[in-house]
Protein backbone atom coordinates (compact mmCIF):
# COMPACT_ATOMS: atom_id res chain seq x y z
CA UNK A 1 0.00 0.00 0.00
CA UNK A 2 1.48 3.41 -0.92
CA UNK A 3 2.47 5.85 1.78
CA UNK A 4 -0.10 8.66 2.21
CA UNK A 5 0.92 12.07 0.99
CA UNK A 6 1.07 15.22 3.07
CA UNK A 7 -2.21 16.17 1.42
CA UNK A 8 -3.94 13.38 3.31
CA UNK A 9 -2.62 14.53 6.68
CA UNK A 10 -5.62 16.68 7.48
CA UNK A 11 -8.06 15.99 4.71
CA UNK A 12 -10.97 16.29 7.13
CA UNK A 13 -9.82 19.64 8.54
CA UNK A 14 -8.32 21.29 5.46
CA UNK A 15 -10.24 24.08 3.80
CA UNK A 16 -10.35 24.23 0.01
CA UNK A 17 -6.93 25.40 -1.17
CA UNK A 18 -5.44 25.30 2.35
CA UNK A 19 -2.08 23.68 2.98
CA UNK A 20 -2.78 20.39 4.81
CA UNK A 21 -0.04 21.07 7.34
CA UNK A 22 -1.55 24.47 8.09
CA UNK A 23 -4.87 22.70 8.57
CA UNK A 24 -3.25 20.30 11.04
CA UNK A 25 -1.74 23.21 12.97
CA UNK A 26 -5.12 24.95 13.02
CA UNK A 27 -6.93 21.81 14.20
CA UNK A 28 -4.40 21.01 16.92
CA UNK A 29 -4.34 24.63 18.10
CA UNK A 30 -8.14 24.56 18.43
CA UNK A 31 -8.01 21.32 20.39
CA UNK A 32 -5.27 22.55 22.71
CA UNK A 33 -7.09 25.85 23.27
CA UNK A 34 -10.26 23.96 24.15
CA UNK A 35 -8.55 21.82 26.79
CA UNK A 36 -6.75 24.66 28.57
CA UNK A 37 -8.11 24.87 32.07
CA UNK A 38 -10.10 21.62 31.85
CA UNK A 39 -8.13 19.96 34.65
CA UNK A 40 -7.30 16.86 32.64
CA UNK A 41 -10.28 14.78 33.72
CA UNK A 42 -13.52 13.39 32.40
CA UNK A 43 -14.94 12.19 29.11
CA UNK A 44 -14.24 15.47 27.33
CA UNK A 45 -10.52 15.11 28.04
CA UNK A 46 -10.55 11.58 26.63
CA UNK A 47 -12.18 12.92 23.46
CA UNK A 48 -9.58 15.69 23.17
CA UNK A 49 -6.76 13.18 23.62
CA UNK A 50 -8.27 10.94 20.94
CA UNK A 51 -8.50 13.90 18.54
CA UNK A 52 -4.87 14.83 19.20
CA UNK A 53 -3.84 11.20 18.65
CA UNK A 54 -5.71 11.06 15.32
CA UNK A 55 -4.04 14.26 14.10
CA UNK A 56 -0.63 12.95 15.19
CA UNK A 57 -1.14 9.61 13.47
CA UNK A 58 -2.18 11.33 10.25
CA UNK A 59 0.90 13.54 10.38
CA UNK A 60 3.17 10.57 11.07
CA UNK A 61 1.71 8.67 8.13
CA UNK A 62 2.00 11.71 5.88
CA UNK A 63 5.60 12.59 6.52
CA UNK A 64 7.01 11.02 9.62
CA UNK A 65 8.96 12.74 12.37
CA UNK A 66 10.02 15.68 10.22
CA UNK A 67 6.41 16.69 9.57
CA UNK A 68 5.48 16.21 13.21
CA UNK A 69 8.42 18.40 14.30
CA UNK A 70 7.39 21.08 11.79
CA UNK A 71 3.81 21.11 13.10
CA UNK A 72 5.03 21.23 16.70
CA UNK A 73 7.22 24.24 15.87
CA UNK A 74 4.22 25.93 14.27
CA UNK A 75 2.08 25.26 17.36
CA UNK A 76 4.77 26.76 19.60
CA UNK A 77 4.88 29.84 17.38
CA UNK A 78 1.09 30.20 17.53
CA UNK A 79 1.17 29.82 21.33
CA UNK A 80 3.84 32.50 21.66
CA UNK A 81 1.81 34.90 19.51
CA UNK A 82 -1.31 34.23 21.58
CA UNK A 83 0.38 34.49 24.96
C-alpha atoms as a PDB file:
ATOM      1  CA  UNK A   1       0.000   0.000   0.000  1.00  0.00           C
ATOM      2  CA  UNK A   2       1.485   3.413  -0.924  1.00  0.00           C
ATOM      3  CA  UNK A   3       2.470   5.849   1.777  1.00  0.00           C
ATOM      4  CA  UNK A   4      -0.102   8.662   2.211  1.00  0.00           C
ATOM      5  CA  UNK A   5       0.923  12.072   0.985  1.00  0.00           C
ATOM      6  CA  UNK A   6       1.071  15.220   3.074  1.00  0.00           C
ATOM      7  CA  UNK A   7      -2.211  16.168   1.421  1.00  0.00           C
ATOM      8  CA  UNK A   8      -3.938  13.375   3.313  1.00  0.00           C
ATOM      9  CA  UNK A   9      -2.620  14.526   6.684  1.00  0.00           C
ATOM     10  CA  UNK A  10      -5.616  16.681   7.479  1.00  0.00           C
ATOM     11  CA  UNK A  11      -8.061  15.991   4.714  1.00  0.00           C
ATOM     12  CA  UNK A  12     -10.970  16.292   7.133  1.00  0.00           C
ATOM     13  CA  UNK A  13      -9.824  19.637   8.542  1.00  0.00           C
ATOM     14  CA  UNK A  14      -8.319  21.286   5.457  1.00  0.00           C
ATOM     15  CA  UNK A  15     -10.243  24.079   3.800  1.00  0.00           C
ATOM     16  CA  UNK A  16     -10.348  24.232   0.012  1.00  0.00           C
ATOM     17  CA  UNK A  17      -6.930  25.396  -1.174  1.00  0.00           C
ATOM     18  CA  UNK A  18      -5.441  25.300   2.354  1.00  0.00           C
ATOM     19  CA  UNK A  19      -2.082  23.677   2.980  1.00  0.00           C
ATOM     20  CA  UNK A  20      -2.775  20.390   4.809  1.00  0.00           C
ATOM     21  CA  UNK A  21      -0.040  21.073   7.338  1.00  0.00           C
ATOM     22  CA  UNK A  22      -1.552  24.470   8.086  1.00  0.00           C
ATOM     23  CA  UNK A  23      -4.873  22.697   8.571  1.00  0.00           C
ATOM     24  CA  UNK A  24      -3.255  20.299  11.040  1.00  0.00           C
ATOM     25  CA  UNK A  25      -1.742  23.208  12.972  1.00  0.00           C
ATOM     26  CA  UNK A  26      -5.120  24.953  13.021  1.00  0.00           C
ATOM     27  CA  UNK A  27      -6.930  21.812  14.200  1.00  0.00           C
ATOM     28  CA  UNK A  28      -4.405  21.014  16.922  1.00  0.00           C
ATOM     29  CA  UNK A  29      -4.344  24.630  18.098  1.00  0.00           C
ATOM     30  CA  UNK A  30      -8.137  24.564  18.428  1.00  0.00           C
ATOM     31  CA  UNK A  31      -8.012  21.316  20.394  1.00  0.00           C
ATOM     32  CA  UNK A  32      -5.272  22.554  22.713  1.00  0.00           C
ATOM     33  CA  UNK A  33      -7.090  25.850  23.273  1.00  0.00           C
ATOM     34  CA  UNK A  34     -10.261  23.961  24.154  1.00  0.00           C
ATOM     35  CA  UNK A  35      -8.546  21.823  26.788  1.00  0.00           C
ATOM     36  CA  UNK A  36      -6.747  24.663  28.571  1.00  0.00           C
ATOM     37  CA  UNK A  37      -8.108  24.867  32.071  1.00  0.00           C
ATOM     38  CA  UNK A  38     -10.102  21.615  31.854  1.00  0.00           C
ATOM     39  CA  UNK A  39      -8.133  19.964  34.654  1.00  0.00           C
ATOM     40  CA  UNK A  40      -7.297  16.865  32.640  1.00  0.00           C
ATOM     41  CA  UNK A  41     -10.276  14.778  33.717  1.00  0.00           C
ATOM     42  CA  UNK A  42     -13.515  13.390  32.396  1.00  0.00           C
ATOM     43  CA  UNK A  43     -14.937  12.187  29.106  1.00  0.00           C
ATOM     44  CA  UNK A  44     -14.244  15.474  27.331  1.00  0.00           C
ATOM     45  CA  UNK A  45     -10.525  15.115  28.041  1.00  0.00           C
ATOM     46  CA  UNK A  46     -10.551  11.583  26.632  1.00  0.00           C
ATOM     47  CA  UNK A  47     -12.184  12.918  23.465  1.00  0.00           C
ATOM     48  CA  UNK A  48      -9.582  15.691  23.174  1.00  0.00           C
ATOM     49  CA  UNK A  49      -6.762  13.181  23.620  1.00  0.00           C
ATOM     50  CA  UNK A  50      -8.265  10.941  20.939  1.00  0.00           C
ATOM     51  CA  UNK A  51      -8.499  13.900  18.538  1.00  0.00           C
ATOM     52  CA  UNK A  52      -4.868  14.828  19.196  1.00  0.00           C
ATOM     53  CA  UNK A  53      -3.841  11.200  18.646  1.00  0.00           C
ATOM     54  CA  UNK A  54      -5.710  11.057  15.316  1.00  0.00           C
ATOM     55  CA  UNK A  55      -4.039  14.256  14.101  1.00  0.00           C
ATOM     56  CA  UNK A  56      -0.627  12.947  15.187  1.00  0.00           C
ATOM     57  CA  UNK A  57      -1.143   9.609  13.470  1.00  0.00           C
ATOM     58  CA  UNK A  58      -2.183  11.327  10.250  1.00  0.00           C
ATOM     59  CA  UNK A  59       0.901  13.535  10.376  1.00  0.00           C
ATOM     60  CA  UNK A  60       3.172  10.572  11.066  1.00  0.00           C
ATOM     61  CA  UNK A  61       1.707   8.665   8.132  1.00  0.00           C
ATOM     62  CA  UNK A  62       2.001  11.709   5.880  1.00  0.00           C
ATOM     63  CA  UNK A  63       5.602  12.590   6.519  1.00  0.00           C
ATOM     64  CA  UNK A  64       7.012  11.025   9.622  1.00  0.00           C
ATOM     65  CA  UNK A  65       8.960  12.736  12.375  1.00  0.00           C
ATOM     66  CA  UNK A  66      10.021  15.678  10.222  1.00  0.00           C
ATOM     67  CA  UNK A  67       6.414  16.689   9.572  1.00  0.00           C
ATOM     68  CA  UNK A  68       5.484  16.206  13.214  1.00  0.00           C
ATOM     69  CA  UNK A  69       8.417  18.401  14.300  1.00  0.00           C
ATOM     70  CA  UNK A  70       7.386  21.078  11.791  1.00  0.00           C
ATOM     71  CA  UNK A  71       3.808  21.109  13.097  1.00  0.00           C
ATOM     72  CA  UNK A  72       5.032  21.229  16.702  1.00  0.00           C
ATOM     73  CA  UNK A  73       7.216  24.241  15.872  1.00  0.00           C
ATOM     74  CA  UNK A  74       4.215  25.931  14.266  1.00  0.00           C
ATOM     75  CA  UNK A  75       2.082  25.259  17.359  1.00  0.00           C
ATOM     76  CA  UNK A  76       4.771  26.756  19.597  1.00  0.00           C
ATOM     77  CA  UNK A  77       4.875  29.838  17.377  1.00  0.00           C
ATOM     78  CA  UNK A  78       1.087  30.197  17.531  1.00  0.00           C
ATOM     79  CA  UNK A  79       1.165  29.822  21.334  1.00  0.00           C
ATOM     80  CA  UNK A  80       3.836  32.500  21.657  1.00  0.00           C
ATOM     81  CA  UNK A  81       1.813  34.897  19.509  1.00  0.00           C
ATOM     82  CA  UNK A  82      -1.307  34.234  21.581  1.00  0.00           C
ATOM     83  CA  UNK A  83       0.382  34.485  24.958  1.00  0.00           C
END
